[in-house]
PDB file of N, CA and C in Angstrom:
ATOM      1  N   MET A   1      89.823  98.959 116.155  1.00  0.00           N
ATOM      2  CA  MET A   1      90.378  97.906 115.333  1.00  0.00           C
ATOM      3  C   MET A   1      89.960  98.146 113.884  1.00  0.00           C
ATOM      4  N   LEU A   2      90.893  98.041 112.959  1.00  0.00           N
ATOM      5  CA  LEU A   2      90.610  98.240 111.542  1.00  0.00           C
ATOM      6  C   LEU A   2      89.914  97.003 110.973  1.00  0.00           C
ATOM      7  N   THR A   3      88.924  97.225 110.121  1.00  0.00           N
ATOM      8  CA  THR A   3      88.200  96.087 109.539  1.00  0.00           C
ATOM      9  C   THR A   3      88.221  96.063 108.018  1.00  0.00           C
ATOM     10  N   SER A   4      88.415  97.205 107.371  1.00  0.00           N
ATOM     11  CA  SER A   4      88.468  97.237 105.913  1.00  0.00           C
ATOM     12  C   SER A   4      89.010  98.583 105.470  1.00  0.00           C
ATOM     13  N   ILE A   5      89.279  98.670 104.184  1.00  0.00           N
ATOM     14  CA  ILE A   5      89.751  99.932 103.615  1.00  0.00           C
ATOM     15  C   ILE A   5      89.018 100.166 102.299  1.00  0.00           C
ATOM     16  N   HIS A   6      88.696 101.415 102.039  1.00  0.00           N
ATOM     17  CA  HIS A   6      87.990 101.785 100.822  1.00  0.00           C
ATOM     18  C   HIS A   6      88.718 102.969 100.190  1.00  0.00           C
ATOM     19  N   PRO A   7      89.625 102.696  99.254  1.00  0.00           N
ATOM     20  CA  PRO A   7      90.365 103.789  98.624  1.00  0.00           C
ATOM     21  C   PRO A   7      89.436 104.791  97.952  1.00  0.00           C
ATOM     22  N   LYS A   8      89.841 106.059  97.994  1.00  0.00           N
ATOM     23  CA  LYS A   8      89.109 107.137  97.340  1.00  0.00           C
ATOM     24  C   LYS A   8      89.991 107.687  96.231  1.00  0.00           C
ATOM     25  N   LEU A   9      89.458 107.689  95.021  1.00  0.00           N
ATOM     26  CA  LEU A   9      90.201 108.126  93.851  1.00  0.00           C
ATOM     27  C   LEU A   9      89.484 109.280  93.162  1.00  0.00           C
ATOM     28  N   PRO A  10      90.227 110.152  92.511  1.00  0.00           N
ATOM     29  CA  PRO A  10      89.591 111.250  91.777  1.00  0.00           C
ATOM     30  C   PRO A  10      89.023 110.789  90.446  1.00  0.00           C
ATOM     31  N   MET A  11      87.976 111.466  90.027  1.00  0.00           N
ATOM     32  CA  MET A  11      87.373 111.219  88.701  1.00  0.00           C
ATOM     33  C   MET A  11      86.968 112.562  88.118  1.00  0.00           C
ATOM     34  N   ARG A  12      86.985 112.645  86.802  1.00  0.00           N
ATOM     35  CA  ARG A  12      86.539 113.863  86.119  1.00  0.00           C
ATOM     36  C   ARG A  12      85.108 113.744  85.619  1.00  0.00           C
ATOM     37  N   ASP A  13      84.678 112.532  85.314  1.00  0.00           N
ATOM     38  CA  ASP A  13      83.371 112.304  84.698  1.00  0.00           C
ATOM     39  C   ASP A  13      82.746 111.072  85.351  1.00  0.00           C
ATOM     40  N   GLN A  14      81.728 111.292  86.147  1.00  0.00           N
ATOM     41  CA  GLN A  14      81.118 110.206  86.908  1.00  0.00           C
ATOM     42  C   GLN A  14      80.559 109.113  86.000  1.00  0.00           C
ATOM     43  N   ALA A  15      79.904 109.486  84.912  1.00  0.00           N
ATOM     44  CA  ALA A  15      79.327 108.491  84.004  1.00  0.00           C
ATOM     45  C   ALA A  15      80.423 107.654  83.349  1.00  0.00           C
ATOM     46  N   ALA A  16      81.512 108.285  82.950  1.00  0.00           N
ATOM     47  CA  ALA A  16      82.616 107.550  82.316  1.00  0.00           C
ATOM     48  C   ALA A  16      83.266 106.594  83.311  1.00  0.00           C
ATOM     49  N   THR A  17      83.433 107.048  84.550  1.00  0.00           N
ATOM     50  CA  THR A  17      84.021 106.187  85.578  1.00  0.00           C
ATOM     51  C   THR A  17      83.119 105.004  85.855  1.00  0.00           C
ATOM     52  N   ARG A  18      81.830 105.253  86.040  1.00  0.00           N
ATOM     53  CA  ARG A  18      80.864 104.172  86.279  1.00  0.00           C
ATOM     54  C   ARG A  18      80.893 103.170  85.135  1.00  0.00           C
ATOM     55  N   SER A  19      80.869 103.663  83.926  1.00  0.00           N
ATOM     56  CA  SER A  19      80.865 102.798  82.753  1.00  0.00           C
ATOM     57  C   SER A  19      82.124 101.947  82.672  1.00  0.00           C
ATOM     58  N   TYR A  20      83.284 102.539  82.842  1.00  0.00           N
ATOM     59  CA  TYR A  20      84.537 101.794  82.737  1.00  0.00           C
ATOM     60  C   TYR A  20      84.610 100.693  83.793  1.00  0.00           C
ATOM     61  N   TYR A  21      84.355 101.049  85.027  1.00  0.00           N
ATOM     62  CA  TYR A  21      84.491 100.063  86.101  1.00  0.00           C
ATOM     63  C   TYR A  21      83.413  98.983  86.039  1.00  0.00           C
ATOM     64  N   SER A  22      82.215  99.333  85.630  1.00  0.00           N
ATOM     65  CA  SER A  22      81.161  98.316  85.574  1.00  0.00           C
ATOM     66  C   SER A  22      81.271  97.474  84.304  1.00  0.00           C
ATOM     67  N   GLU A  23      81.442  98.105  83.163  1.00  0.00           N
ATOM     68  CA  GLU A  23      81.460  97.354  81.903  1.00  0.00           C
ATOM     69  C   GLU A  23      82.793  96.655  81.647  1.00  0.00           C
ATOM     70  N   ALA A  24      83.894  97.314  81.927  1.00  0.00           N
ATOM     71  CA  ALA A  24      85.205  96.731  81.620  1.00  0.00           C
ATOM     72  C   ALA A  24      85.737  95.858  82.754  1.00  0.00           C
ATOM     73  N   LEU A  25      85.523  96.283  84.001  1.00  0.00           N
ATOM     74  CA  LEU A  25      86.149  95.595  85.130  1.00  0.00           C
ATOM     75  C   LEU A  25      85.191  94.786  85.990  1.00  0.00           C
ATOM     76  N   GLY A  26      83.904  94.830  85.714  1.00  0.00           N
ATOM     77  CA  GLY A  26      82.951  93.983  86.419  1.00  0.00           C
ATOM     78  C   GLY A  26      82.519  94.456  87.797  1.00  0.00           C
ATOM     79  N   PHE A  27      82.696  95.741  88.092  1.00  0.00           N
ATOM     80  CA  PHE A  27      82.226  96.295  89.365  1.00  0.00           C
ATOM     81  C   PHE A  27      80.737  96.616  89.249  1.00  0.00           C
ATOM     82  N   SER A  28      80.054  96.641  90.382  1.00  0.00           N
ATOM     83  CA  SER A  28      78.660  97.078  90.404  1.00  0.00           C
ATOM     84  C   SER A  28      78.574  98.370  91.208  1.00  0.00           C
ATOM     85  N   VAL A  29      77.537  99.130  90.940  1.00  0.00           N
ATOM     86  CA  VAL A  29      77.338 100.396  91.647  1.00  0.00           C
ATOM     87  C   VAL A  29      76.758 100.093  93.025  1.00  0.00           C
ATOM     88  N   ALA A  30      77.464 100.501  94.057  1.00  0.00           N
ATOM     89  CA  ALA A  30      76.998 100.315  95.434  1.00  0.00           C
ATOM     90  C   ALA A  30      76.374 101.594  95.977  1.00  0.00           C
ATOM     91  N   GLY A  31      76.665 102.717  95.345  1.00  0.00           N
ATOM     92  CA  GLY A  31      76.104 103.995  95.752  1.00  0.00           C
ATOM     93  C   GLY A  31      76.488 105.066  94.752  1.00  0.00           C
ATOM     94  N   GLU A  32      75.529 105.924  94.429  1.00  0.00           N
ATOM     95  CA  GLU A  32      75.819 107.002  93.490  1.00  0.00           C
ATOM     96  C   GLU A  32      75.111 108.261  93.950  1.00  0.00           C
ATOM     97  N   TYR A  33      75.882 109.308  94.070  1.00  0.00           N
ATOM     98  CA  TYR A  33      75.404 110.574  94.597  1.00  0.00           C
ATOM     99  C   TYR A  33      75.970 111.697  93.735  1.00  0.00           C
ATOM    100  N   ASP A  34      75.540 112.909  93.987  1.00  0.00           N
ATOM    101  CA  ASP A  34      76.120 114.036  93.269  1.00  0.00           C
ATOM    102  C   ASP A  34      77.615 114.084  93.539  1.00  0.00           C
ATOM    103  N   ASN A  35      78.390 113.924  92.499  1.00  0.00           N
ATOM    104  CA  ASN A  35      79.848 114.055  92.567  1.00  0.00           C
ATOM    105  C   ASN A  35      80.547 112.980  93.391  1.00  0.00           C
ATOM    106  N   TYR A  36      79.884 111.865  93.654  1.00  0.00           N
ATOM    107  CA  TYR A  36      80.491 110.798  94.447  1.00  0.00           C
ATOM    108  C   TYR A  36      79.946 109.459  93.967  1.00  0.00           C
ATOM    109  N   LEU A  37      80.833 108.479  93.866  1.00  0.00           N
ATOM    110  CA  LEU A  37      80.463 107.180  93.327  1.00  0.00           C
ATOM    111  C   LEU A  37      81.134 106.087  94.149  1.00  0.00           C
ATOM    112  N   ILE A  38      80.378 105.039  94.473  1.00  0.00           N
ATOM    113  CA  ILE A  38      80.914 103.880  95.190  1.00  0.00           C
ATOM    114  C   ILE A  38      80.680 102.649  94.320  1.00  0.00           C
ATOM    115  N   LEU A  39      81.766 101.922  94.056  1.00  0.00           N
ATOM    116  CA  LEU A  39      81.695 100.725  93.226  1.00  0.00           C
ATOM    117  C   LEU A  39      82.202  99.536  94.019  1.00  0.00           C
ATOM    118  N   ARG A  40      81.666  98.351  93.726  1.00  0.00           N
ATOM    119  CA  ARG A  40      82.010  97.155  94.504  1.00  0.00           C
ATOM    120  C   ARG A  40      82.180  95.953  93.584  1.00  0.00           C
ATOM    121  N   ARG A  41      83.187  95.141  93.931  1.00  0.00           N
ATOM    122  CA  ARG A  41      83.372  93.841  93.278  1.00  0.00           C
ATOM    123  C   ARG A  41      84.068  92.916  94.266  1.00  0.00           C
ATOM    124  N   ASP A  42      83.528  91.722  94.434  1.00  0.00           N
ATOM    125  CA  ASP A  42      84.135  90.692  95.286  1.00  0.00           C
ATOM    126  C   ASP A  42      84.461  91.208  96.690  1.00  0.00           C
ATOM    127  N   GLY A  43      83.588  92.043  97.241  1.00  0.00           N
ATOM    128  CA  GLY A  43      83.801  92.555  98.589  1.00  0.00           C
ATOM    129  C   GLY A  43      84.755  93.732  98.671  1.00  0.00           C
ATOM    130  N   ILE A  44      85.274  94.171  97.539  1.00  0.00           N
ATOM    131  CA  ILE A  44      86.181  95.323  97.484  1.00  0.00           C
ATOM    132  C   ILE A  44      85.367  96.543  97.078  1.00  0.00           C
ATOM    133  N   GLU A  45      85.568  97.651  97.761  1.00  0.00           N
ATOM    134  CA  GLU A  45      84.901  98.900  97.388  1.00  0.00           C
ATOM    135  C   GLU A  45      85.930  99.938  96.985  1.00  0.00           C
ATOM    136  N   LEU A  46      85.595 100.667  95.931  1.00  0.00           N
ATOM    137  CA  LEU A  46      86.338 101.850  95.528  1.00  0.00           C
ATOM    138  C   LEU A  46      85.385 103.029  95.592  1.00  0.00           C
ATOM    139  N   HIS A  47      85.852 104.125  96.149  1.00  0.00           N
ATOM    140  CA  HIS A  47      85.068 105.346  96.209  1.00  0.00           C
ATOM    141  C   HIS A  47      85.717 106.364  95.276  1.00  0.00           C
ATOM    142  N   PHE A  48      84.910 107.151  94.592  1.00  0.00           N
ATOM    143  CA  PHE A  48      85.398 108.162  93.665  1.00  0.00           C
ATOM    144  C   PHE A  48      84.750 109.496  93.986  1.00  0.00           C
ATOM    145  N   PHE A  49      85.550 110.545  93.941  1.00  0.00           N
ATOM    146  CA  PHE A  49      85.055 111.898  94.159  1.00  0.00           C
ATOM    147  C   PHE A  49      85.330 112.726  92.909  1.00  0.00           C
ATOM    148  N   LEU A  50      84.414 113.643  92.614  1.00  0.00           N
ATOM    149  CA  LEU A  50      84.567 114.489  91.443  1.00  0.00           C
ATOM    150  C   LEU A  50      85.710 115.467  91.648  1.00  0.00           C
ATOM    151  N   SER A  51      86.577 115.542  90.661  1.00  0.00           N
ATOM    152  CA  SER A  51      87.720 116.453  90.691  1.00  0.00           C
ATOM    153  C   SER A  51      87.821 117.097  89.316  1.00  0.00           C
ATOM    154  N   MET A  52      87.104 118.185  89.138  1.00  0.00           N
ATOM    155  CA  MET A  52      87.043 118.848  87.835  1.00  0.00           C
ATOM    156  C   MET A  52      88.406 119.389  87.392  1.00  0.00           C
ATOM    157  N   ASP A  53      89.281 119.706  88.325  1.00  0.00           N
ATOM    158  CA  ASP A  53      90.594 120.253  87.985  1.00  0.00           C
ATOM    159  C   ASP A  53      91.642 119.171  87.765  1.00  0.00           C
ATOM    160  N   LEU A  54      91.249 117.911  87.843  1.00  0.00           N
ATOM    161  CA  LEU A  54      92.194 116.812  87.694  1.00  0.00           C
ATOM    162  C   LEU A  54      92.827 116.826  86.312  1.00  0.00           C
ATOM    163  N   ASP A  55      94.145 116.794  86.289  1.00  0.00           N
ATOM    164  CA  ASP A  55      94.884 116.631  85.037  1.00  0.00           C
ATOM    165  C   ASP A  55      95.332 115.174  84.995  1.00  0.00           C
ATOM    166  N   PRO A  56      94.749 114.358  84.116  1.00  0.00           N
ATOM    167  CA  PRO A  56      95.097 112.937  84.116  1.00  0.00           C
ATOM    168  C   PRO A  56      96.582 112.674  83.860  1.00  0.00           C
ATOM    169  N   LEU A  57      97.265 113.610  83.219  1.00  0.00           N
ATOM    170  CA  LEU A  57      98.692 113.415  82.948  1.00  0.00           C
ATOM    171  C   LEU A  57      99.551 113.587  84.196  1.00  0.00           C
ATOM    172  N   THR A  58      98.990 114.195  85.246  1.00  0.00           N
ATOM    173  CA  THR A  58      99.748 114.370  86.487  1.00  0.00           C
ATOM    174  C   THR A  58      99.089 113.652  87.665  1.00  0.00           C
ATOM    175  N   ASN A  59      98.053 112.866  87.398  1.00  0.00           N
ATOM    176  CA  ASN A  59      97.350 112.153  88.461  1.00  0.00           C
ATOM    177  C   ASN A  59      98.230 111.031  89.021  1.00  0.00           C
ATOM    178  N   ASP A  60      98.388 111.014  90.336  1.00  0.00           N
ATOM    179  CA  ASP A  60      99.180 109.984  91.003  1.00  0.00           C
ATOM    180  C   ASP A  60      98.315 108.971  91.747  1.00  0.00           C
ATOM    181  N   GLY A  61      97.006 108.934  91.475  1.00  0.00           N
ATOM    182  CA  GLY A  61      96.120 107.987  92.147  1.00  0.00           C
ATOM    183  C   GLY A  61      96.517 106.553  91.822  1.00  0.00           C
ATOM    184  N   GLN A  62      96.600 105.712  92.868  1.00  0.00           N
ATOM    185  CA  GLN A  62      97.002 104.320  92.684  1.00  0.00           C
ATOM    186  C   GLN A  62      96.292 103.424  93.685  1.00  0.00           C
ATOM    187  N   VAL A  63      95.979 102.211  93.245  1.00  0.00           N
ATOM    188  CA  VAL A  63      95.420 101.186  94.127  1.00  0.00           C
ATOM    189  C   VAL A  63      96.097  99.870  93.781  1.00  0.00           C
ATOM    190  N   TYR A  64      96.435  99.107  94.809  1.00  0.00           N
ATOM    191  CA  TYR A  64      97.018  97.773  94.610  1.00  0.00           C
ATOM    192  C   TYR A  64      96.000  96.758  95.106  1.00  0.00           C
ATOM    193  N   PHE A  65      95.566  95.867  94.216  1.00  0.00           N
ATOM    194  CA  PHE A  65      94.603  94.829  94.549  1.00  0.00           C
ATOM    195  C   PHE A  65      95.338  93.504  94.734  1.00  0.00           C
ATOM    196  N   ARG A  66      95.163  92.865  95.854  1.00  0.00           N
ATOM    197  CA  ARG A  66      95.631  91.486  96.028  1.00  0.00           C
ATOM    198  C   ARG A  66      94.518  90.591  95.505  1.00  0.00           C
ATOM    199  N   VAL A  67      94.879  89.658  94.632  1.00  0.00           N
ATOM    200  CA  VAL A  67      93.869  88.835  93.975  1.00  0.00           C
ATOM    201  C   VAL A  67      94.231  87.355  94.060  1.00  0.00           C
ATOM    202  N   ALA A  68      93.261  86.516  93.776  1.00  0.00           N
ATOM    203  CA  ALA A  68      93.457  85.079  93.604  1.00  0.00           C
ATOM    204  C   ALA A  68      93.232  84.780  92.126  1.00  0.00           C
ATOM    205  N   GLU A  69      93.927  83.786  91.607  1.00  0.00           N
ATOM    206  CA  GLU A  69      93.778  83.368  90.218  1.00  0.00           C
ATOM    207  C   GLU A  69      94.059  84.516  89.246  1.00  0.00           C
ATOM    208  N   ILE A  70      95.220  85.138  89.411  1.00  0.00           N
ATOM    209  CA  ILE A  70      95.562  86.312  88.609  1.00  0.00           C
ATOM    210  C   ILE A  70      95.629  86.020  87.121  1.00  0.00           C
ATOM    211  N   ASP A  71      96.092  84.828  86.746  1.00  0.00           N
ATOM    212  CA  ASP A  71      96.171  84.501  85.318  1.00  0.00           C
ATOM    213  C   ASP A  71      94.787  84.494  84.681  1.00  0.00           C
ATOM    214  N   ALA A  72      93.802  83.943  85.368  1.00  0.00           N
ATOM    215  CA  ALA A  72      92.431  83.912  84.845  1.00  0.00           C
ATOM    216  C   ALA A  72      91.848  85.322  84.774  1.00  0.00           C
ATOM    217  N   LEU A  73      92.103  86.137  85.793  1.00  0.00           N
ATOM    218  CA  LEU A  73      91.612  87.519  85.783  1.00  0.00           C
ATOM    219  C   LEU A  73      92.227  88.279  84.613  1.00  0.00           C
ATOM    220  N   TYR A  74      93.519  88.158  84.448  1.00  0.00           N
ATOM    221  CA  TYR A  74      94.218  88.837  83.349  1.00  0.00           C
ATOM    222  C   TYR A  74      93.637  88.412  81.995  1.00  0.00           C
ATOM    223  N   ARG A  75      93.507  87.118  81.779  1.00  0.00           N
ATOM    224  CA  ARG A  75      92.945  86.605  80.518  1.00  0.00           C
ATOM    225  C   ARG A  75      91.545  87.149  80.279  1.00  0.00           C
ATOM    226  N   SER A  76      90.731  87.155  81.323  1.00  0.00           N
ATOM    227  CA  SER A  76      89.362  87.639  81.194  1.00  0.00           C
ATOM    228  C   SER A  76      89.329  89.113  80.786  1.00  0.00           C
ATOM    229  N   LEU A  77      90.151  89.929  81.413  1.00  0.00           N
ATOM    230  CA  LEU A  77      90.172  91.358  81.081  1.00  0.00           C
ATOM    231  C   LEU A  77      90.673  91.578  79.657  1.00  0.00           C
ATOM    232  N   VAL A  78      91.747  90.910  79.291  1.00  0.00           N
ATOM    233  CA  VAL A  78      92.288  91.048  77.930  1.00  0.00           C
ATOM    234  C   VAL A  78      91.261  90.574  76.903  1.00  0.00           C
ATOM    235  N   ASP A  79      90.603  89.447  77.176  1.00  0.00           N
ATOM    236  CA  ASP A  79      89.590  88.919  76.257  1.00  0.00           C
ATOM    237  C   ASP A  79      88.419  89.881  76.084  1.00  0.00           C
ATOM    238  N   HIS A  80      88.163  90.715  77.094  1.00  0.00           N
ATOM    239  CA  HIS A  80      87.072  91.690  77.018  1.00  0.00           C
ATOM    240  C   HIS A  80      87.552  93.055  76.540  1.00  0.00           C
ATOM    241  N   GLY A  81      88.785  93.117  76.032  1.00  0.00           N
ATOM    242  CA  GLY A  81      89.280  94.341  75.420  1.00  0.00           C
ATOM    243  C   GLY A  81      89.810  95.390  76.373  1.00  0.00           C
ATOM    244  N   VAL A  82      90.024  95.045  77.637  1.00  0.00           N
ATOM    245  CA  VAL A  82      90.576  96.012  78.590  1.00  0.00           C
ATOM    246  C   VAL A  82      92.035  96.264  78.210  1.00  0.00           C
ATOM    247  N   VAL A  83      92.390  97.524  78.114  1.00  0.00           N
ATOM    248  CA  VAL A  83      93.749  97.899  77.748  1.00  0.00           C
ATOM    249  C   VAL A  83      94.649  97.786  78.971  1.00  0.00           C
ATOM    250  N   ILE A  84      95.704  97.006  78.833  1.00  0.00           N
ATOM    251  CA  ILE A  84      96.691  96.832  79.898  1.00  0.00           C
ATOM    252  C   ILE A  84      97.724  97.947  79.757  1.00  0.00           C
ATOM    253  N   HIS A  85      98.229  98.442  80.881  1.00  0.00           N
ATOM    254  CA  HIS A  85      99.250  99.490  80.872  1.00  0.00           C
ATOM    255  C   HIS A  85     100.419  99.044  79.987  1.00  0.00           C
ATOM    256  N   PRO A  86     100.974  99.943  79.178  1.00  0.00           N
ATOM    257  CA  PRO A  86     102.075  99.549  78.288  1.00  0.00           C
ATOM    258  C   PRO A  86     103.254  98.891  79.014  1.00  0.00           C
ATOM    259  N   ASN A  87     103.485  99.260  80.253  1.00  0.00           N
ATOM    260  CA  ASN A  87     104.564  98.655  81.044  1.00  0.00           C
ATOM    261  C   ASN A  87     104.019  97.691  82.089  1.00  0.00           C
ATOM    262  N   GLY A  88     102.753  97.279  81.938  1.00  0.00           N
ATOM    263  CA  GLY A  88     102.114  96.519  82.996  1.00  0.00           C
ATOM    264  C   GLY A  88     101.634  95.141  82.627  1.00  0.00           C
ATOM    265  N   ALA A  89     102.243  94.521  81.625  1.00  0.00           N
ATOM    266  CA  ALA A  89     101.819  93.166  81.261  1.00  0.00           C
ATOM    267  C   ALA A  89     102.054  92.204  82.422  1.00  0.00           C
ATOM    268  N   LEU A  90     101.290  91.145  82.454  1.00  0.00           N
ATOM    269  CA  LEU A  90     101.384  90.143  83.514  1.00  0.00           C
ATOM    270  C   LEU A  90     102.794  89.547  83.551  1.00  0.00           C
ATOM    271  N   GLN A  91     103.417  89.631  84.730  1.00  0.00           N
ATOM    272  CA  GLN A  91     104.760  89.076  84.883  1.00  0.00           C
ATOM    273  C   GLN A  91     105.089  88.886  86.358  1.00  0.00           C
ATOM    274  N   ASN A  92     106.076  88.037  86.596  1.00  0.00           N
ATOM    275  CA  ASN A  92     106.579  87.839  87.957  1.00  0.00           C
ATOM    276  C   ASN A  92     107.552  88.961  88.279  1.00  0.00           C
ATOM    277  N   LYS A  93     107.401  89.518  89.471  1.00  0.00           N
ATOM    278  CA  LYS A  93     108.233  90.629  89.920  1.00  0.00           C
ATOM    279  C   LYS A  93     109.283  90.128  90.909  1.00  0.00           C
ATOM    280  N   PRO A  94     110.402  90.853  91.054  1.00  0.00           N
ATOM    281  CA  PRO A  94     111.466  90.434  91.973  1.00  0.00           C
ATOM    282  C   PRO A  94     111.014  90.361  93.436  1.00  0.00           C
ATOM    283  N   TRP A  95     109.933  91.058  93.784  1.00  0.00           N
ATOM    284  CA  TRP A  95     109.453  91.062  95.171  1.00  0.00           C
ATOM    285  C   TRP A  95     108.472  89.935  95.455  1.00  0.00           C
ATOM    286  N   GLY A  96     108.414  88.949  94.549  1.00  0.00           N
ATOM    287  CA  GLY A  96     107.636  87.744  94.812  1.00  0.00           C
ATOM    288  C   GLY A  96     106.169  87.821  94.456  1.00  0.00           C
ATOM    289  N   GLN A  97     105.790  88.799  93.668  1.00  0.00           N
ATOM    290  CA  GLN A  97     104.404  88.931  93.237  1.00  0.00           C
ATOM    291  C   GLN A  97     104.308  88.705  91.732  1.00  0.00           C
ATOM    292  N   ARG A  98     103.198  88.175  91.294  1.00  0.00           N
ATOM    293  CA  ARG A  98     102.843  88.098  89.874  1.00  0.00           C
ATOM    294  C   ARG A  98     101.845  89.224  89.672  1.00  0.00           C
ATOM    295  N   GLU A  99     102.140  90.171  88.778  1.00  0.00           N
ATOM    296  CA  GLU A  99     101.359  91.404  88.692  1.00  0.00           C
ATOM    297  C   GLU A  99     101.064  91.809  87.256  1.00  0.00           C
ATOM    298  N   PHE A 100     100.006  92.625  87.136  1.00  0.00           N
ATOM    299  CA  PHE A 100      99.746  93.402  85.925  1.00  0.00           C
ATOM    300  C   PHE A 100      99.089  94.702  86.346  1.00  0.00           C
ATOM    301  N   ALA A 101      99.065  95.671  85.440  1.00  0.00           N
ATOM    302  CA  ALA A 101      98.534  96.991  85.782  1.00  0.00           C
ATOM    303  C   ALA A 101      97.777  97.586  84.604  1.00  0.00           C
ATOM    304  N   LEU A 102      96.865  98.490  84.918  1.00  0.00           N
ATOM    305  CA  LEU A 102      96.134  99.228  83.910  1.00  0.00           C
ATOM    306  C   LEU A 102      95.828 100.617  84.426  1.00  0.00           C
ATOM    307  N   LEU A 103      95.406 101.482  83.527  1.00  0.00           N
ATOM    308  CA  LEU A 103      95.030 102.841  83.877  1.00  0.00           C
ATOM    309  C   LEU A 103      93.547 103.038  83.605  1.00  0.00           C
ATOM    310  N   ASP A 104      92.839 103.666  84.545  1.00  0.00           N
ATOM    311  CA  ASP A 104      91.432 103.963  84.304  1.00  0.00           C
ATOM    312  C   ASP A 104      91.328 105.250  83.474  1.00  0.00           C
ATOM    313  N   PRO A 105      90.133 105.714  83.145  1.00  0.00           N
ATOM    314  CA  PRO A 105      89.991 106.894  82.284  1.00  0.00           C
ATOM    315  C   PRO A 105      90.643 108.166  82.836  1.00  0.00           C
ATOM    316  N   ASP A 106      90.907 108.212  84.145  1.00  0.00           N
ATOM    317  CA  ASP A 106      91.545 109.390  84.751  1.00  0.00           C
ATOM    318  C   ASP A 106      93.011 109.147  85.086  1.00  0.00           C
ATOM    319  N   ASN A 107      93.554 108.051  84.565  1.00  0.00           N
ATOM    320  CA  ASN A 107      94.947 107.656  84.794  1.00  0.00           C
ATOM    321  C   ASN A 107      95.237 107.263  86.237  1.00  0.00           C
ATOM    322  N   ASN A 108      94.221 106.813  86.964  1.00  0.00           N
ATOM    323  CA  ASN A 108      94.475 106.149  88.244  1.00  0.00           C
ATOM    324  C   ASN A 108      95.099 104.808  87.903  1.00  0.00           C
ATOM    325  N   LEU A 109      96.249 104.496  88.511  1.00  0.00           N
ATOM    326  CA  LEU A 109      96.946 103.253  88.239  1.00  0.00           C
ATOM    327  C   LEU A 109      96.350 102.140  89.093  1.00  0.00           C
ATOM    328  N   LEU A 110      95.897 101.070  88.439  1.00  0.00           N
ATOM    329  CA  LEU A 110      95.329  99.915  89.132  1.00  0.00           C
ATOM    330  C   LEU A 110      96.283  98.746  88.918  1.00  0.00           C
ATOM    331  N   THR A 111      96.894  98.275  90.006  1.00  0.00           N
ATOM    332  CA  THR A 111      97.823  97.157  89.923  1.00  0.00           C
ATOM    333  C   THR A 111      97.185  95.963  90.617  1.00  0.00           C
ATOM    334  N   PHE A 112      97.257  94.810  89.982  1.00  0.00           N
ATOM    335  CA  PHE A 112      96.693  93.572  90.499  1.00  0.00           C
ATOM    336  C   PHE A 112      97.834  92.612  90.749  1.00  0.00           C
ATOM    337  N   GLY A 113      97.878  92.001  91.938  1.00  0.00           N
ATOM    338  CA  GLY A 113      98.981  91.113  92.254  1.00  0.00           C
ATOM    339  C   GLY A 113      98.575  89.912  93.080  1.00  0.00           C
ATOM    340  N   GLU A 114      99.328  88.838  92.886  1.00  0.00           N
ATOM    341  CA  GLU A 114      99.147  87.596  93.619  1.00  0.00           C
ATOM    342  C   GLU A 114     100.545  87.059  93.931  1.00  0.00           C
ATOM    343  N   ALA A 115     100.691  86.411  95.078  1.00  0.00           N
ATOM    344  CA  ALA A 115     101.990  85.809  95.412  1.00  0.00           C
ATOM    345  C   ALA A 115     102.405  84.847  94.312  1.00  0.00           C
ATOM    346  N   ALA A 116     103.654  84.999  93.863  1.00  0.00           N
ATOM    347  CA  ALA A 116     104.162  84.144  92.766  1.00  0.00           C
ATOM    348  C   ALA A 116     104.519  82.775  93.283  1.00  0.00           C
TER     349      ALA A 116
END
């Protein structure tokens, strides 16, 4: 029986990834090892593996977060200077979700959504 999921995303620089997710997005470090990083927020874990050959312009890494109180989360991130994806401003989508998106330092797409 499945109990949880922990997406694994590529990173080029472990310190930069740790800094972005902890300082900008409010994640805490749950584990840090050579070339591997585990971050946690609100019971959600993201795992990162070192990928020195990663080209951020061709990276297709993506995670979709289901959230509560999306308007407050969006405001909080914007107020703290987090850059929202140019095409990812908070809006209602035709599929019944209210969403916004951003890119991490390696161009992993992070989309946040709540039922509209």
